[in-house]
N, C-alpha and C. Protein backbone atom coordinates (compact mmCIF):
# COMPACT_ATOMS: atom_id res chain seq x y z
N MET A 1 0.72 -1.24 -0.24
CA MET A 1 0.13 0.06 0.17
C MET A 1 0.92 1.42 0.09
N ARG A 2 1.75 1.16 0.71
CA ARG A 2 2.66 2.18 0.79
C ARG A 2 3.46 2.40 -0.48
N LYS A 3 4.06 1.52 -1.31
CA LYS A 3 4.46 1.62 -2.50
C LYS A 3 3.58 2.23 -3.48
N TRP A 4 2.21 1.73 -3.34
CA TRP A 4 1.05 2.17 -4.20
C TRP A 4 0.90 3.66 -3.80
N VAL A 5 1.18 4.40 -3.13
CA VAL A 5 0.77 5.68 -2.23
C VAL A 5 1.86 6.43 -2.90
N LEU A 6 3.32 6.20 -3.09
CA LEU A 6 4.20 6.84 -2.94
C LEU A 6 4.73 6.96 -4.58
N GLY A 7 3.80 5.55 -5.10
CA GLY A 7 4.45 5.80 -7.08
C GLY A 7 3.12 6.59 -7.26
N MET A 8 2.00 6.51 -6.42
CA MET A 8 1.01 7.50 -7.16
C MET A 8 1.36 9.00 -6.84
N SER A 9 2.08 9.18 -5.46
CA SER A 9 2.57 10.38 -5.43
C SER A 9 3.49 11.06 -6.17
N LEU A 10 4.57 10.28 -6.87
CA LEU A 10 5.37 10.56 -7.80
C LEU A 10 4.67 10.90 -9.05
N ILE A 11 3.87 10.07 -9.70
CA ILE A 11 2.91 10.33 -10.65
C ILE A 11 2.16 11.59 -10.59
N LEU A 12 1.84 11.62 -9.29
CA LEU A 12 0.65 12.97 -9.40
C LEU A 12 1.67 14.09 -9.55
N LEU A 13 3.05 14.23 -8.80
CA LEU A 13 4.00 15.24 -8.75
C LEU A 13 4.75 15.40 -10.06
N LEU A 14 4.82 14.42 -10.90
CA LEU A 14 5.39 14.55 -12.29
C LEU A 14 4.32 15.28 -13.35
N VAL A 15 3.06 15.21 -13.26
CA VAL A 15 1.85 15.33 -14.07
C VAL A 15 1.81 16.81 -13.40
N VAL A 16 2.22 17.38 -11.86
CA VAL A 16 1.79 18.50 -11.75
C VAL A 16 3.29 19.49 -12.19
N GLY A 17 4.34 18.83 -12.41
CA GLY A 17 5.59 19.58 -12.57
C GLY A 17 5.46 19.89 -14.29
N VAL A 18 5.03 18.78 -15.08
CA VAL A 18 4.96 18.79 -16.70
C VAL A 18 3.72 19.90 -16.86
N SER A 19 2.72 19.95 -16.18
CA SER A 19 1.51 21.26 -16.28
C SER A 19 2.23 22.61 -15.94
N VAL A 20 2.84 22.33 -14.96
CA VAL A 20 3.52 24.06 -14.76
C VAL A 20 4.39 24.17 -15.58
N TYR A 21 5.22 23.54 -16.13
CA TYR A 21 6.04 23.79 -17.23
C TYR A 21 5.83 23.97 -18.37
N SER A 22 4.62 23.21 -18.83
CA SER A 22 3.69 23.79 -20.17
C SER A 22 3.00 25.15 -19.93
N VAL A 23 2.18 25.58 -19.05
CA VAL A 23 1.53 26.80 -18.40
C VAL A 23 3.05 27.89 -18.59
N HIS A 24 3.91 27.87 -18.01
CA HIS A 24 5.10 28.37 -17.97
C HIS A 24 5.59 28.72 -19.42
N LYS A 25 5.75 27.83 -20.21
CA LYS A 25 6.32 27.56 -21.93
C LYS A 25 5.01 28.56 -22.25
N SER A 26 3.83 28.24 -22.25
CA SER A 26 2.56 28.62 -23.04
C SER A 26 2.56 30.43 -22.63
N GLN A 27 2.94 30.93 -21.43
CA GLN A 27 2.86 32.24 -21.10
C GLN A 27 3.91 32.58 -21.91
N GLU A 28 5.11 32.08 -21.88
CA GLU A 28 6.34 33.13 -22.66
C GLU A 28 6.09 32.97 -24.00
N GLN A 29 5.49 32.26 -24.41
CA GLN A 29 4.89 32.25 -26.10
C GLN A 29 4.39 33.11 -26.41
N VAL A 30 3.13 33.67 -25.35
CA VAL A 30 2.30 34.82 -25.19
C VAL A 30 2.95 36.15 -25.56
N VAL A 31 4.07 36.26 -24.32
CA VAL A 31 4.50 37.36 -23.88
C VAL A 31 5.41 37.70 -25.37
N GLU A 32 6.24 36.60 -25.85
CA GLU A 32 7.01 36.49 -27.22
C GLU A 32 6.16 37.11 -28.51
N MET A 33 5.11 36.90 -28.56
CA MET A 33 3.90 37.22 -29.88
C MET A 33 3.30 38.51 -29.14
N LYS A 34 3.26 38.80 -28.03
CA LYS A 34 2.78 40.18 -27.54
C LYS A 34 3.96 41.18 -28.37
N GLY A 35 5.35 40.82 -27.80
CA GLY A 35 6.30 41.94 -28.20
C GLY A 35 6.69 41.78 -29.52
N GLU A 36 6.58 40.89 -30.26
CA GLU A 36 6.64 40.38 -31.92
C GLU A 36 5.56 41.59 -32.34
N LYS A 37 4.32 41.45 -32.22
CA LYS A 37 3.49 42.44 -32.27
C LYS A 37 3.60 43.85 -32.20
N ASP A 38 3.68 44.17 -30.84
CA ASP A 38 4.25 45.46 -30.76
C ASP A 38 5.25 46.19 -31.55
N ARG A 39 6.33 45.06 -31.69
CA ARG A 39 7.20 45.54 -32.98
C ARG A 39 6.93 46.00 -34.21
N ILE A 40 5.74 45.05 -34.60
CA ILE A 40 5.16 45.05 -36.29
C ILE A 40 4.19 46.64 -36.02
N VAL A 41 3.52 46.62 -35.11
CA VAL A 41 2.70 48.08 -34.75
C VAL A 41 3.80 49.09 -35.01
N GLN A 42 4.86 49.12 -34.49
CA GLN A 42 5.57 50.07 -33.89
C GLN A 42 6.52 50.42 -35.78
N LYS A 43 6.87 49.65 -36.08
CA LYS A 43 7.55 49.45 -37.80
C LYS A 43 6.25 49.84 -38.56
N LYS A 44 4.91 49.70 -38.26
CA LYS A 44 3.90 50.45 -39.19
C LYS A 44 3.92 51.71 -39.22
N ALA A 45 3.59 51.63 -37.72
CA ALA A 45 3.57 53.58 -37.65
C ALA A 45 4.66 54.23 -37.87
N GLU A 46 6.11 53.77 -37.93
CA GLU A 46 7.21 54.41 -38.44
C GLU A 46 6.91 54.84 -39.89
N GLU A 47 6.42 53.41 -40.76
CA GLU A 47 6.66 53.82 -41.91
C GLU A 47 5.23 54.65 -42.44
N LYS A 48 4.02 54.82 -41.75
CA LYS A 48 3.05 55.57 -42.01
C LYS A 48 3.53 57.03 -41.49
N ASP A 49 4.51 57.24 -40.61
CA ASP A 49 4.94 58.47 -40.11
C ASP A 49 6.06 58.90 -41.20
N ARG A 50 6.89 58.10 -41.98
CA ARG A 50 7.64 58.24 -42.91
C ARG A 50 6.95 58.89 -44.11
N GLY A 51 5.67 58.03 -44.48
CA GLY A 51 5.49 58.12 -45.85
C GLY A 51 4.57 59.64 -45.67
N GLN A 52 3.84 60.12 -44.20
CA GLN A 52 3.14 61.36 -44.03
C GLN A 52 4.63 62.37 -44.31
N ALA A 53 5.54 62.40 -43.90
CA ALA A 53 6.46 63.24 -43.97
C ALA A 53 7.12 63.33 -45.11
N THR A 54 7.05 62.63 -46.29
CA THR A 54 7.68 62.44 -47.61
C THR A 54 6.52 63.19 -47.93
N GLU A 55 5.08 62.64 -48.02
CA GLU A 55 3.89 63.64 -48.82
C GLU A 55 4.13 65.40 -48.42
N ALA A 56 4.19 65.32 -47.06
CA ALA A 56 4.26 67.17 -46.73
C ALA A 56 5.42 67.41 -47.71
N ASN A 57 6.67 66.71 -47.75
CA ASN A 57 7.93 67.41 -48.28
C ASN A 57 7.49 67.95 -49.90
N GLN A 58 7.05 66.99 -50.13
CA GLN A 58 6.63 66.82 -51.71
C GLN A 58 5.67 68.14 -51.96
N ALA A 59 4.43 68.13 -50.99
CA ALA A 59 3.10 69.06 -51.48
C ALA A 59 3.95 70.35 -50.81
N PHE A 60 4.87 70.61 -50.19
CA PHE A 60 5.28 72.09 -49.83
C PHE A 60 6.13 72.36 -51.25
N ILE A 61 7.00 71.51 -51.82
CA ILE A 61 8.09 71.49 -52.89
C ILE A 61 7.31 72.08 -54.07
N ARG A 62 6.04 71.16 -54.46
CA ARG A 62 5.20 71.72 -55.69
C ARG A 62 4.55 73.00 -55.43
N LEU A 63 3.90 73.56 -53.92
CA LEU A 63 4.07 74.62 -53.84
C LEU A 63 4.43 75.98 -53.62
N LEU A 64 5.67 75.50 -53.73
CA LEU A 64 6.67 76.52 -53.53
C LEU A 64 6.95 77.16 -55.07
N PHE A 65 6.99 76.19 -55.85
CA PHE A 65 7.26 75.92 -57.30
C PHE A 65 6.00 76.33 -57.90
N SER A 66 5.01 76.42 -57.65
CA SER A 66 3.97 76.54 -58.60
C SER A 66 3.68 77.92 -59.23
N ASN A 67 2.68 77.74 -59.99
CA ASN A 67 2.82 79.13 -60.67
C ASN A 67 1.46 80.00 -60.06
N GLU A 68 1.43 80.09 -58.53
CA GLU A 68 0.10 80.82 -57.95
C GLU A 68 0.96 82.30 -58.02
N PRO A 69 0.18 83.29 -57.83
CA PRO A 69 0.38 84.74 -57.57
C PRO A 69 1.28 84.41 -56.04
N ILE A 70 2.31 85.48 -55.76
CA ILE A 70 3.32 85.22 -54.59
C ILE A 70 2.38 85.46 -53.55
N ALA A 71 1.50 86.05 -53.49
CA ALA A 71 0.48 86.34 -52.03
C ALA A 71 -0.35 85.02 -51.93
N THR A 72 -0.73 84.27 -53.04
CA THR A 72 -1.43 83.19 -53.00
C THR A 72 -0.71 82.13 -52.29
N LYS A 73 0.46 82.06 -52.89
CA LYS A 73 1.54 80.89 -52.60
C LYS A 73 2.24 81.10 -51.28
N GLN A 74 2.08 82.21 -50.65
CA GLN A 74 2.18 82.44 -49.04
C GLN A 74 1.64 82.12 -48.28
N LYS A 75 0.17 82.30 -48.63
CA LYS A 75 -0.63 82.15 -47.62
C LYS A 75 -0.98 79.99 -47.61
N GLN A 76 -1.00 79.69 -49.00
CA GLN A 76 -0.93 78.09 -48.99
C GLN A 76 -0.02 77.90 -48.09
N ILE A 77 1.25 78.15 -48.53
CA ILE A 77 2.73 77.68 -47.90
C ILE A 77 2.70 78.05 -46.26
N GLN A 78 2.28 78.93 -45.73
CA GLN A 78 2.10 79.14 -44.29
C GLN A 78 1.73 78.27 -43.60
N LYS A 79 0.69 77.63 -44.37
CA LYS A 79 -0.38 76.44 -43.35
C LYS A 79 0.45 75.11 -43.17
N ARG A 80 1.82 75.03 -43.93
CA ARG A 80 2.40 73.79 -44.31
C ARG A 80 3.81 74.00 -43.55
N THR A 81 3.95 75.63 -43.06
CA THR A 81 5.34 75.83 -42.66
C THR A 81 5.02 76.01 -41.04
N THR A 82 6.34 75.93 -40.35
CA THR A 82 6.76 76.84 -39.52
C THR A 82 7.09 78.50 -39.46
N ALA A 83 6.93 79.09 -38.65
CA ALA A 83 7.42 80.54 -39.01
C ALA A 83 8.80 80.81 -39.35
N LYS A 84 9.60 79.72 -38.90
CA LYS A 84 11.14 80.23 -39.33
C LYS A 84 10.96 79.21 -40.85
N GLY A 85 10.43 78.43 -41.10
CA GLY A 85 10.08 77.71 -42.40
C GLY A 85 9.78 78.64 -43.49
N LEU A 86 8.48 79.47 -43.04
CA LEU A 86 8.18 80.58 -44.21
C LEU A 86 9.07 81.39 -44.00
N ALA A 87 10.01 82.51 -43.47
CA ALA A 87 11.23 83.12 -43.45
C ALA A 87 12.02 82.60 -44.59
N MET A 88 12.30 81.09 -44.25
CA MET A 88 13.21 80.76 -45.11
C MET A 88 12.55 80.45 -46.67
N ALA A 89 11.54 80.13 -46.98
CA ALA A 89 11.23 80.02 -47.94
C ALA A 89 10.73 81.28 -48.59
N PHE A 90 10.60 82.47 -48.03
CA PHE A 90 10.37 83.78 -48.62
C PHE A 90 11.37 84.81 -47.73
N PRO A 91 12.36 84.62 -47.99
CA PRO A 91 13.48 85.44 -46.90
C PRO A 91 13.19 87.30 -47.28
N SER A 92 12.38 87.70 -48.52
CA SER A 92 12.54 88.89 -48.52
C SER A 92 11.08 89.43 -48.08
N ALA A 93 10.46 88.59 -47.63
CA ALA A 93 9.03 89.12 -47.45
C ALA A 93 9.02 89.66 -46.11
N ASP A 94 10.07 89.29 -45.31
CA ASP A 94 9.52 90.01 -43.69
C ASP A 94 8.14 89.64 -43.35
N GLY A 95 7.39 88.80 -43.47
CA GLY A 95 6.22 88.33 -42.82
C GLY A 95 5.19 88.68 -43.44
N ASN A 96 5.59 90.09 -44.39
CA ASN A 96 4.39 90.73 -45.26
C ASN A 96 3.97 90.11 -46.68
N GLU A 97 2.92 89.86 -47.08
CA GLU A 97 2.86 89.63 -48.28
C GLU A 97 3.56 90.32 -49.57
N GLN A 98 3.75 89.88 -50.30
CA GLN A 98 4.53 90.53 -51.40
C GLN A 98 3.80 90.88 -52.96
N ASP A 99 3.81 91.72 -53.47
CA ASP A 99 3.15 91.99 -54.59
C ASP A 99 3.54 91.19 -55.70
N ALA A 100 2.75 91.24 -56.82
CA ALA A 100 2.97 90.00 -57.58
C ALA A 100 4.07 91.22 -58.85
N ASP A 101 5.21 90.55 -59.30
CA ASP A 101 6.11 91.26 -59.94
C ASP A 101 5.31 91.38 -61.65
N ARG A 102 6.04 92.74 -62.06
CA ARG A 102 5.63 92.91 -63.89
C ARG A 102 6.22 91.64 -64.52
N LEU A 103 7.08 91.11 -64.01
CA LEU A 103 7.61 89.85 -64.87
C LEU A 103 6.95 88.89 -64.92
N TYR A 104 6.42 88.25 -65.75
CA TYR A 104 5.90 86.86 -65.94
C TYR A 104 6.94 85.75 -65.93
N VAL A 105 6.83 85.01 -64.78
CA VAL A 105 7.42 83.77 -64.72
C VAL A 105 6.89 82.43 -64.42
N LYS A 106 6.74 81.68 -64.96
CA LYS A 106 6.03 80.54 -64.93
C LYS A 106 7.18 79.19 -64.59
N ASN A 107 6.95 78.45 -63.48
CA ASN A 107 7.94 77.50 -63.02
C ASN A 107 6.99 76.05 -63.56
N THR A 108 7.65 75.18 -63.99
CA THR A 108 7.20 73.96 -64.18
C THR A 108 8.22 72.79 -63.53
N ILE A 109 7.61 71.63 -62.63
CA ILE A 109 8.58 70.71 -62.24
C ILE A 109 8.67 69.43 -63.50
N GLN A 110 9.76 69.23 -63.86
CA GLN A 110 9.95 68.16 -64.74
C GLN A 110 9.94 67.30 -64.10
N SER A 111 10.96 66.62 -63.02
CA SER A 111 11.00 65.82 -61.70
C SER A 111 11.39 66.35 -60.70
N LEU A 112 10.95 65.45 -59.80
CA LEU A 112 11.39 65.36 -58.49
C LEU A 112 11.53 64.31 -57.52
N ALA A 113 12.95 63.96 -56.79
CA ALA A 113 13.08 63.05 -56.32
C ALA A 113 13.66 63.11 -54.93
N SER A 114 12.94 62.62 -53.95
CA SER A 114 13.48 63.19 -52.74
C SER A 114 13.99 61.69 -52.00
N TYR A 115 14.81 62.21 -51.17
CA TYR A 115 15.63 61.14 -50.20
C TYR A 115 15.54 61.27 -48.96
N GLN A 116 15.19 60.60 -48.05
CA GLN A 116 15.00 61.10 -46.65
C GLN A 116 16.09 60.54 -45.93
N ARG A 117 16.65 61.18 -44.88
CA ARG A 117 17.59 60.91 -43.83
C ARG A 117 16.95 60.39 -42.82
N GLU A 118 17.38 59.80 -42.04
CA GLU A 118 16.66 58.95 -40.79
C GLU A 118 16.93 59.81 -39.85
N GLY A 119 15.96 60.19 -38.93
CA GLY A 119 16.23 61.26 -37.92
C GLY A 119 15.66 60.55 -36.87
N SER A 120 15.15 61.71 -35.79
CA SER A 120 14.33 61.41 -34.58
C SER A 120 12.90 61.41 -35.07
N GLY A 121 11.96 61.00 -34.23
CA GLY A 121 10.82 60.88 -34.47
C GLY A 121 10.13 62.09 -34.82
N GLU A 122 10.25 63.14 -34.63
CA GLU A 122 9.68 64.37 -34.68
C GLU A 122 10.45 65.41 -35.71
N SER A 123 11.68 64.93 -36.13
CA SER A 123 12.23 65.82 -37.22
C SER A 123 12.78 64.82 -38.35
N LYS A 124 12.31 65.11 -39.52
CA LYS A 124 12.75 64.55 -40.91
C LYS A 124 13.74 65.59 -41.69
N GLN A 125 14.81 64.82 -42.29
CA GLN A 125 15.59 65.85 -42.99
C GLN A 125 15.34 65.13 -44.79
N PHE A 126 15.26 65.78 -45.80
CA PHE A 126 15.11 65.83 -46.73
C PHE A 126 15.98 66.33 -47.94
N LEU A 127 16.84 65.39 -48.65
CA LEU A 127 17.47 65.93 -49.73
C LEU A 127 16.55 65.49 -51.40
N ASN A 128 16.39 66.79 -52.25
CA ASN A 128 15.33 67.00 -53.01
C ASN A 128 16.04 67.30 -54.03
N ILE A 129 15.98 66.64 -55.18
CA ILE A 129 16.66 66.84 -56.48
C ILE A 129 15.73 67.08 -57.65
N ILE A 130 15.39 68.52 -57.98
CA ILE A 130 14.30 69.15 -58.53
C ILE A 130 14.77 69.83 -59.93
N GLU A 131 14.29 69.07 -60.96
CA GLU A 131 14.65 69.53 -62.27
C GLU A 131 13.30 70.61 -62.58
N LEU A 132 13.74 71.86 -62.97
CA LEU A 132 12.59 72.75 -63.28
C LEU A 132 12.73 73.56 -64.63
N THR A 133 11.96 73.68 -65.20
CA THR A 133 11.57 74.66 -66.30
C THR A 133 11.25 76.10 -65.80
N ILE A 134 12.23 77.24 -66.23
CA ILE A 134 11.51 78.35 -65.60
C ILE A 134 11.11 79.15 -66.96
N THR A 135 10.21 79.59 -67.43
CA THR A 135 9.91 80.50 -68.22
C THR A 135 9.88 82.08 -67.94
N ALA A 136 10.42 83.10 -68.08
CA ALA A 136 10.65 84.41 -67.93
C ALA A 136 10.04 84.98 -69.09
N ASN A 137 9.46 85.82 -69.17
CA ASN A 137 9.13 86.79 -70.31
C ASN A 137 9.14 85.48 -71.44
N ASN A 138 8.60 84.50 -71.80
CA ASN A 138 8.65 83.82 -72.88
C ASN A 138 10.20 83.00 -73.21
N ILE A 139 11.05 82.98 -72.08
CA ILE A 139 12.29 82.51 -72.67
C ILE A 139 12.40 81.41 -71.50
N ASP A 140 12.60 80.13 -71.94
CA ASP A 140 12.69 78.97 -70.87
C ASP A 140 14.31 78.68 -70.47
N SER A 141 14.25 78.31 -69.62
CA SER A 141 15.87 77.86 -68.80
C SER A 141 15.19 76.63 -67.99
N THR A 142 16.34 75.82 -68.05
CA THR A 142 15.96 74.41 -67.03
C THR A 142 17.07 74.69 -65.93
N SER A 143 16.88 74.34 -64.80
CA SER A 143 17.47 74.16 -63.80
C SER A 143 17.28 72.76 -62.97
N LYS A 144 18.50 72.03 -62.56
CA LYS A 144 18.47 71.07 -61.44
C LYS A 144 19.10 71.84 -60.33
N LEU A 145 18.12 71.49 -59.52
CA LEU A 145 18.37 72.39 -58.11
C LEU A 145 18.70 71.20 -56.81
N LEU A 146 19.52 71.20 -56.07
CA LEU A 146 19.69 70.12 -54.65
C LEU A 146 19.08 71.13 -53.66
N LEU A 147 18.02 70.72 -53.05
CA LEU A 147 17.15 71.35 -52.12
C LEU A 147 17.21 70.60 -50.68
N GLN A 148 17.44 71.04 -50.07
CA GLN A 148 17.08 70.55 -48.31
C GLN A 148 16.00 71.08 -47.80
N THR A 149 15.07 70.20 -47.44
CA THR A 149 13.98 70.51 -46.52
C THR A 149 13.97 70.05 -44.89
N ILE A 150 13.98 70.55 -43.94
CA ILE A 150 13.69 69.93 -42.59
C ILE A 150 12.16 70.09 -42.14
N LEU A 151 11.61 69.06 -41.86
CA LEU A 151 10.18 69.00 -41.40
C LEU A 151 10.13 68.46 -39.91
N VAL A 152 9.52 69.05 -39.01
CA VAL A 152 9.22 69.08 -38.09
C VAL A 152 7.78 68.56 -37.85
N LYS A 153 7.70 67.86 -36.83
CA LYS A 153 6.16 67.42 -36.72
C LYS A 153 5.42 68.12 -35.29
N GLU A 154 4.40 68.67 -35.82
CA GLU A 154 3.61 70.10 -34.50
C GLU A 154 2.20 69.67 -34.59
N LYS A 155 1.33 69.10 -33.74
CA LYS A 155 0.27 69.20 -33.66
C LYS A 155 -0.51 67.53 -34.56
N GLU A 156 0.63 67.07 -34.45
CA GLU A 156 0.39 65.54 -35.26
C GLU A 156 0.44 65.79 -36.95
N GLN A 157 1.21 67.11 -37.39
CA GLN A 157 0.96 67.40 -38.90
C GLN A 157 2.41 67.69 -38.94
N TRP A 158 3.27 67.52 -39.90
CA TRP A 158 4.39 67.65 -40.60
C TRP A 158 4.55 69.06 -41.52
N LEU A 159 5.37 69.73 -40.68
CA LEU A 159 5.52 71.32 -41.16
C LEU A 159 6.97 71.53 -41.59
N VAL A 160 7.39 72.04 -42.57
CA VAL A 160 8.60 72.61 -43.13
C VAL A 160 9.08 73.31 -42.06
N SER A 161 10.42 73.20 -41.53
CA SER A 161 11.09 74.21 -40.51
C SER A 161 11.74 74.84 -41.23
N ASN A 162 12.91 74.25 -42.27
CA ASN A 162 13.85 74.90 -42.68
C ASN A 162 13.85 74.35 -44.23
N VAL A 163 14.16 75.48 -45.11
CA VAL A 163 14.38 75.11 -46.33
C VAL A 163 15.43 76.04 -47.18
N LEU A 164 16.41 75.01 -47.65
CA LEU A 164 18.06 75.50 -48.37
C LEU A 164 18.01 75.08 -49.72
N ILE A 165 18.40 75.77 -50.88
CA ILE A 165 18.78 75.56 -51.85
C ILE A 165 20.67 75.36 -51.44
N LEU A 166 20.66 73.89 -51.78
CA LEU A 166 22.13 73.54 -51.35
C LEU A 166 22.83 73.89 -52.95
N THR A 167 22.69 73.73 -53.84
CA THR A 167 23.48 73.69 -55.22
C THR A 167 22.48 73.98 -56.25
N ASN A 168 23.14 74.24 -57.33
CA ASN A 168 22.27 74.40 -58.78
C ASN A 168 23.10 72.99 -59.63
N LEU A 169 23.01 72.35 -59.83
CA LEU A 169 23.55 70.99 -60.36
C LEU A 169 23.46 71.05 -62.04
């Protein structure tokens, strides 16, 4: 009888040990799966953020080189820039609207390529290669520019904080 009780106790102890081990392993797997899910969600959020920054950057460039009157262009760009960014985009404006020139100028973007440099989550830097056809009083010229833009995230919106023409290629 004693051997039987001892044998049953060992079997019961073995069953409890295996059960505890399997529960512990399944909890570890749940934690690992949750961690993997969190990494995937974070990666998707970063990709979405990067896409939104790229869209904001290209929309700003298209507005900057649009054929709108300068006063209209300033109002539209003001929504997409910080105060510093607006001052960099229109350095001679001093915060005042500019009058349209007597010179007829038309810009056409032939190509736009943007390259994003990895940065912090709240700031993105872009190098943009822009090929423009500029028509001034019916005379065409083509320029290829290297333009740097820095965007910052304010109130869940990407705004241009700095714009600088680095060189004419």
